[in-house]
Amino acid sequence: MEKYLNIISNSYKGYYNYIINEILHPGWHNYFYWLIAISLFFWLLEIAFPWRKKQSFIRQDFWLDAFYMFFNFFLFSLIIYNALSNVVVDFFNNEILKLTGFNLQSSNPLHKLPHWAILIMVFFVRDFIQFNVHRLLHYYPWLWQFHKVHHSVKEMGFAAHLRYHWMENIVYRTIEYIPLALLGVGLYDFFVVHIIALSIGHFNHSNFNFPLGPLKYFLNNPQMHIWHHAKTLPNKYGVNFGISLSLWDYLFKTNYIPANGRDIELGFEKDEYFPKGFLKQAIYH
């Protein structure tokens, strides 16, 4: 027990120092300023080349979504997730070692692969896992209650990407952990993958029209993802579940783009009764 208390204590201290260092020391491996830079980039694109020209560049719930970005990226980890996850990871790795003799951190033969190979594998495997987790969030009613926060967006913009219930962090990261640990994910590899995924996520939620041509069958985009948020859908579970890649939707026949979705109504049934503020949404289930 003392061991895990020390892990929790050290996690809080370490993550607090990490956030302070991120803010005070800008650099190429700095999540904080990458988040700001990528967000400003897509915001400027929305202002200069808006898809929905009548939508204000400070759209409905813009500041709420901006807060969600920093909460889900940083504050949630400081409050609970980082310390809890470190305890779970340590326990899980030790149990795997006891049962199989396999050390996820040091015995993994995939660690010997070139960085570029690990990077590509991690990107595709992580995105495929997230595609399937996303489907679970729609298929299971108790998970859908959490996911409603993301679908409460009524005007789409880049910051809507990171408006989601804190419980989604736990669901996604828990299911992701084993496959990514088996792939031998290093900090540098995950940083690169995360920044690429962040950029694509901002893009496909943005109020920006950029025709991709044949790439639309591979890469998620605003014209496809808008239909995922449509209030009226062809079935009760939803469509277009891809996170970074639209590829999975086309492979598993969950793609749906019946028309230009620029001005469709977003949300879900009876969303007018859904809580509007962050605190009420955070405790909603």
Protein backbone atom coordinates (compact mmCIF):
# COMPACT_ATOMS: atom_id res chain seq x y z
CA MET A 1 0.00 0.00 0.00
CA GLU A 2 2.83 2.37 0.90
CA LYS A 3 4.36 1.75 -2.53
CA TYR A 4 1.19 2.93 -4.31
CA LEU A 5 0.78 5.93 -2.01
CA ASN A 6 4.30 6.94 -2.98
CA ILE A 7 3.44 6.47 -6.66
CA ILE A 8 0.38 8.73 -6.24
CA SER A 9 2.36 11.36 -4.35
CA ASN A 10 5.23 11.34 -6.84
CA SER A 11 2.77 11.44 -9.74
CA TYR A 12 1.10 14.58 -8.44
CA LYS A 13 4.44 16.29 -7.80
CA GLY A 14 5.88 15.16 -11.12
CA TYR A 15 2.87 16.16 -13.19
CA TYR A 16 2.55 19.52 -11.45
CA ASN A 17 6.21 20.26 -12.18
CA TYR A 18 5.68 19.05 -15.75
CA ILE A 19 2.82 21.52 -16.33
CA ILE A 20 4.78 24.42 -14.83
CA ASN A 21 7.77 23.50 -16.99
CA GLU A 22 5.52 23.29 -20.09
CA ILE A 23 4.19 26.79 -19.48
CA LEU A 24 7.50 28.44 -18.55
CA HIS A 25 9.74 26.73 -21.10
CA PRO A 26 8.36 26.74 -24.66
CA GLY A 27 9.98 24.16 -26.91
CA TRP A 28 9.51 21.73 -29.78
CA HIS A 29 8.42 18.94 -27.43
CA ASN A 30 5.97 21.10 -25.50
CA TYR A 31 2.31 19.94 -25.64
CA PHE A 32 1.01 23.17 -24.12
CA TYR A 33 2.27 25.47 -26.86
CA TRP A 34 1.61 22.94 -29.63
CA LEU A 35 -2.04 22.91 -28.51
CA ILE A 36 -2.15 26.72 -28.62
CA ALA A 37 -0.36 26.94 -31.98
CA ILE A 38 -2.48 24.29 -33.71
CA SER A 39 -5.67 25.81 -32.28
CA LEU A 40 -4.74 29.31 -33.47
CA PHE A 41 -3.87 27.92 -36.92
CA PHE A 42 -7.29 26.33 -37.41
CA TRP A 43 -9.09 29.30 -35.85
CA LEU A 44 -7.41 31.60 -38.40
CA LEU A 45 -8.45 29.21 -41.20
CA GLU A 46 -12.04 29.35 -39.93
CA ILE A 47 -11.93 33.15 -39.91
CA ALA A 48 -10.29 33.48 -43.34
CA PHE A 49 -12.07 30.63 -45.17
CA PRO A 50 -15.27 29.74 -43.30
CA TRP A 51 -17.42 26.91 -44.61
CA ARG A 52 -20.50 28.29 -42.84
CA LYS A 53 -20.05 31.96 -43.63
CA LYS A 54 -22.86 33.13 -41.33
CA GLN A 55 -21.35 31.40 -38.31
CA SER A 56 -19.49 33.78 -35.99
CA PHE A 57 -15.78 33.08 -35.58
CA ILE A 58 -16.51 33.21 -31.84
CA ARG A 59 -19.31 30.69 -32.22
CA GLN A 60 -21.77 29.34 -29.68
CA ASP A 61 -19.94 27.76 -26.70
CA PHE A 62 -16.53 28.78 -28.10
CA TRP A 63 -15.09 29.62 -24.68
CA LEU A 64 -16.60 26.51 -23.07
CA ASP A 65 -14.86 24.38 -25.69
CA ALA A 66 -11.61 26.29 -25.21
CA PHE A 67 -11.76 25.45 -21.50
CA TYR A 68 -12.47 21.80 -22.32
CA MET A 69 -9.33 21.73 -24.47
CA PHE A 70 -7.07 22.67 -21.59
CA PHE A 71 -9.03 20.68 -19.02
CA ASN A 72 -8.91 17.42 -20.97
CA PHE A 73 -5.33 17.97 -22.14
CA PHE A 74 -3.84 19.06 -18.80
CA LEU A 75 -6.02 19.74 -15.77
CA PHE A 76 -7.79 16.37 -15.63
CA SER A 77 -4.43 14.62 -15.46
CA LEU A 78 -3.34 16.93 -12.65
CA ILE A 79 -6.55 16.39 -10.67
CA ILE A 80 -6.81 12.58 -10.88
CA TYR A 81 -5.86 10.73 -14.05
CA ASN A 82 -2.06 10.80 -14.02
CA ALA A 83 -1.70 9.49 -10.46
CA LEU A 84 -4.43 6.87 -10.89
CA SER A 85 -3.08 5.65 -14.22
CA ASN A 86 0.45 5.32 -12.85
CA VAL A 87 -0.84 3.07 -10.07
CA VAL A 88 -2.83 0.94 -12.53
CA VAL A 89 0.06 0.70 -15.00
CA ASP A 90 2.50 -0.36 -12.28
CA PHE A 91 0.05 -2.97 -10.94
CA PHE A 92 -0.76 -4.27 -14.43
CA ASN A 93 2.89 -4.55 -15.50
CA ASN A 94 3.78 -6.39 -12.29
CA GLU A 95 0.91 -8.85 -12.68
CA ILE A 96 1.83 -9.56 -16.31
CA LEU A 97 5.43 -10.13 -15.21
CA LYS A 98 4.32 -12.55 -12.47
CA LEU A 99 1.98 -14.52 -14.72
CA THR A 100 4.04 -14.71 -17.89
CA GLY A 101 7.55 -13.49 -17.08
CA PHE A 102 7.12 -10.91 -19.86
CA ASN A 103 8.14 -7.35 -19.03
CA LEU A 104 6.13 -4.91 -21.15
CA GLN A 105 8.69 -2.17 -20.61
CA SER A 106 11.98 -3.94 -21.26
CA SER A 107 11.37 -7.36 -22.87
CA ASN A 108 9.44 -6.16 -25.89
CA PRO A 109 11.18 -7.18 -29.16
CA LEU A 110 9.33 -4.40 -31.00
CA HIS A 111 11.56 -1.89 -29.19
CA LYS A 112 14.27 -2.88 -31.67
CA LEU A 113 12.31 -1.63 -34.69
CA PRO A 114 13.23 1.71 -36.33
CA HIS A 115 11.42 4.75 -34.96
CA TRP A 116 9.59 5.38 -38.23
CA ALA A 117 8.14 1.85 -38.20
CA ILE A 118 6.98 2.18 -34.59
CA LEU A 119 5.51 5.58 -35.40
CA ILE A 120 3.43 4.28 -38.32
CA MET A 121 2.25 1.22 -36.39
CA VAL A 122 1.30 3.24 -33.33
CA PHE A 123 -0.65 5.76 -35.42
CA PHE A 124 -2.69 3.09 -37.25
CA VAL A 125 -3.21 0.80 -34.25
CA ARG A 126 -4.18 3.64 -31.93
CA ASP A 127 -6.59 5.12 -34.46
CA PHE A 128 -8.19 1.72 -35.12
CA ILE A 129 -8.64 1.20 -31.37
CA GLN A 130 -10.15 4.67 -31.02
CA PHE A 131 -12.51 4.01 -33.94
CA ASN A 132 -13.84 0.95 -32.13
CA VAL A 133 -14.01 2.66 -28.73
CA HIS A 134 -15.93 5.47 -30.40
CA ARG A 135 -18.44 2.93 -31.69
CA LEU A 136 -18.80 1.52 -28.16
CA LEU A 137 -19.59 5.02 -26.88
CA HIS A 138 -22.57 5.07 -29.26
CA TYR A 139 -23.68 1.44 -28.95
CA TYR A 140 -23.84 1.12 -25.15
CA PRO A 141 -26.40 3.41 -23.45
CA TRP A 142 -24.33 3.98 -20.27
CA LEU A 143 -21.32 5.05 -22.36
CA TRP A 144 -23.51 7.17 -24.62
CA GLN A 145 -24.56 9.20 -21.55
CA PHE A 146 -20.93 10.32 -21.18
CA HIS A 147 -20.49 10.84 -24.93
CA LYS A 148 -23.50 13.16 -25.08
CA VAL A 149 -21.21 15.94 -23.84
CA HIS A 150 -19.30 15.84 -27.13
CA HIS A 151 -22.52 15.71 -29.14
CA SER A 152 -24.03 18.66 -27.30
CA VAL A 153 -22.11 20.94 -29.71
CA LYS A 154 -24.62 23.01 -31.68
CA GLU A 155 -22.17 24.99 -33.86
CA MET A 156 -19.12 23.15 -35.10
CA GLY A 157 -15.61 24.53 -34.78
CA PHE A 158 -12.06 23.29 -34.17
CA ALA A 159 -12.32 23.50 -30.36
CA ALA A 160 -15.30 21.12 -30.33
CA HIS A 161 -12.71 18.40 -30.94
CA LEU A 162 -11.76 18.31 -27.25
CA ARG A 163 -15.19 18.91 -25.71
CA TYR A 164 -15.79 15.54 -24.08
CA HIS A 165 -16.66 14.10 -20.68
CA TRP A 166 -13.69 13.30 -18.43
CA MET A 167 -14.84 9.67 -18.26
CA GLU A 168 -13.94 9.29 -21.95
CA ASN A 169 -10.30 9.82 -21.00
CA ILE A 170 -10.50 6.78 -18.74
CA VAL A 171 -12.37 4.61 -21.26
CA TYR A 172 -10.07 5.39 -24.19
CA ARG A 173 -6.78 5.21 -22.28
CA THR A 174 -7.69 1.98 -20.48
CA ILE A 175 -8.54 0.14 -23.70
CA GLU A 176 -5.55 1.65 -25.53
CA TYR A 177 -2.96 0.73 -22.93
CA ILE A 178 -2.33 -2.98 -23.58
CA PRO A 179 -1.97 -2.81 -27.41
CA LEU A 180 0.21 0.30 -27.29
CA ALA A 181 2.37 -1.13 -24.50
CA LEU A 182 2.86 -4.28 -26.58
CA LEU A 183 3.95 -2.10 -29.50
CA GLY A 184 6.65 -0.58 -27.34
CA VAL A 185 5.51 3.04 -27.46
CA GLY A 186 8.20 5.50 -26.43
CA LEU A 187 7.58 9.06 -25.24
CA TYR A 188 8.92 10.60 -28.46
CA ASP A 189 6.82 8.27 -30.60
CA PHE A 190 3.65 9.02 -28.69
CA PHE A 191 4.33 12.78 -28.78
CA VAL A 192 4.57 12.77 -32.57
CA VAL A 193 1.47 10.57 -32.99
CA HIS A 194 -0.50 12.69 -30.55
CA ILE A 195 0.36 15.96 -32.31
CA ILE A 196 -0.64 14.50 -35.69
CA ALA A 197 -3.92 13.18 -34.24
CA LEU A 198 -4.57 16.53 -32.53
CA SER A 199 -4.13 18.37 -35.83
CA ILE A 200 -6.43 16.02 -37.75
CA GLY A 201 -9.03 16.18 -34.96
CA HIS A 202 -9.02 19.98 -35.02
CA PHE A 203 -9.30 19.86 -38.81
CA ASN A 204 -12.29 17.53 -39.00
CA HIS A 205 -14.22 19.58 -36.41
CA SER A 206 -13.36 22.93 -37.99
CA ASN A 207 -15.60 25.32 -39.89
CA PHE A 208 -13.34 24.97 -42.90
CA ASN A 209 -13.95 23.57 -46.37
CA PHE A 210 -10.95 21.93 -47.95
CA PRO A 211 -11.73 19.34 -50.67
CA LEU A 212 -9.46 16.33 -50.21
CA GLY A 213 -10.28 14.55 -53.46
CA PRO A 214 -9.48 10.81 -53.23
CA LEU A 215 -7.84 11.41 -49.82
CA LYS A 216 -11.35 11.72 -48.32
CA TYR A 217 -11.48 7.90 -48.34
CA PHE A 218 -8.43 7.83 -46.08
CA LEU A 219 -8.43 10.96 -43.94
CA ASN A 220 -11.26 12.23 -41.76
CA ASN A 221 -12.49 15.70 -42.72
CA PRO A 222 -15.10 18.37 -41.82
CA GLN A 223 -17.48 17.40 -44.64
CA MET A 224 -17.61 13.81 -43.38
CA HIS A 225 -17.46 14.39 -39.64
CA ILE A 226 -20.29 16.94 -39.65
CA TRP A 227 -22.66 14.02 -40.38
CA HIS A 228 -21.42 12.21 -37.29
CA HIS A 229 -22.83 15.14 -35.28
CA ALA A 230 -26.10 15.38 -37.22
CA LYS A 231 -29.23 15.45 -35.08
CA THR A 232 -31.08 13.30 -37.62
CA LEU A 233 -29.27 10.06 -38.49
CA PRO A 234 -30.11 6.93 -40.54
CA ASN A 235 -29.88 4.71 -37.44
CA LYS A 236 -29.85 5.06 -33.66
CA TYR A 237 -26.15 4.24 -33.23
CA GLY A 238 -24.60 6.84 -35.51
CA VAL A 239 -22.23 6.98 -38.48
CA ASN A 240 -18.73 8.14 -39.45
CA PHE A 241 -16.91 6.96 -36.30
CA GLY A 242 -13.38 7.55 -37.60
CA ILE A 243 -11.14 9.71 -35.40
CA SER A 244 -8.16 10.54 -37.62
CA LEU A 245 -8.84 8.17 -40.49
CA SER A 246 -12.05 7.82 -42.51
CA LEU A 247 -10.56 4.58 -43.85
CA TRP A 248 -12.16 2.48 -41.10
CA ASP A 249 -15.66 3.78 -41.87
CA TYR A 250 -15.33 2.87 -45.54
CA LEU A 251 -13.93 -0.57 -44.68
CA PHE A 252 -16.63 -1.38 -42.10
CA LYS A 253 -19.51 0.28 -43.97
CA THR A 254 -20.27 2.94 -41.35
CA ASN A 255 -19.63 5.82 -43.78
CA TYR A 256 -22.50 8.22 -44.48
CA ILE A 257 -22.39 11.44 -46.51
CA PRO A 258 -25.81 11.74 -48.19
CA ALA A 259 -25.45 15.41 -49.14
CA ASN A 260 -23.59 18.61 -48.38
CA GLY A 261 -23.94 18.81 -44.60
CA ARG A 262 -22.88 22.43 -44.19
CA ASP A 263 -26.11 23.67 -42.61
CA ILE A 264 -27.55 20.54 -40.98
CA GLU A 265 -28.80 20.70 -37.39
CA LEU A 266 -26.36 19.25 -34.88
CA GLY A 267 -26.98 17.51 -31.56
CA PHE A 268 -29.25 14.70 -30.39
CA GLU A 269 -32.87 14.17 -29.44
CA LYS A 270 -34.00 16.43 -26.58
CA ASP A 271 -30.59 18.10 -26.37
CA GLU A 272 -32.35 21.33 -25.42
CA TYR A 273 -32.61 19.85 -21.91
CA PHE A 274 -28.95 18.90 -21.73
CA PRO A 275 -26.81 20.84 -19.16
CA LYS A 276 -25.08 23.88 -20.67
CA GLY A 277 -22.19 24.59 -18.29
CA PHE A 278 -18.96 22.70 -17.66
CA LEU A 279 -19.63 21.63 -14.05
CA LYS A 280 -23.10 20.29 -14.78
CA GLN A 281 -21.79 18.45 -17.83
CA ALA A 282 -18.85 17.02 -15.84
CA ILE A 283 -21.19 15.31 -13.34
CA TYR A 284 -23.81 14.34 -15.93
CA HIS A 285 -24.59 10.68 -16.47
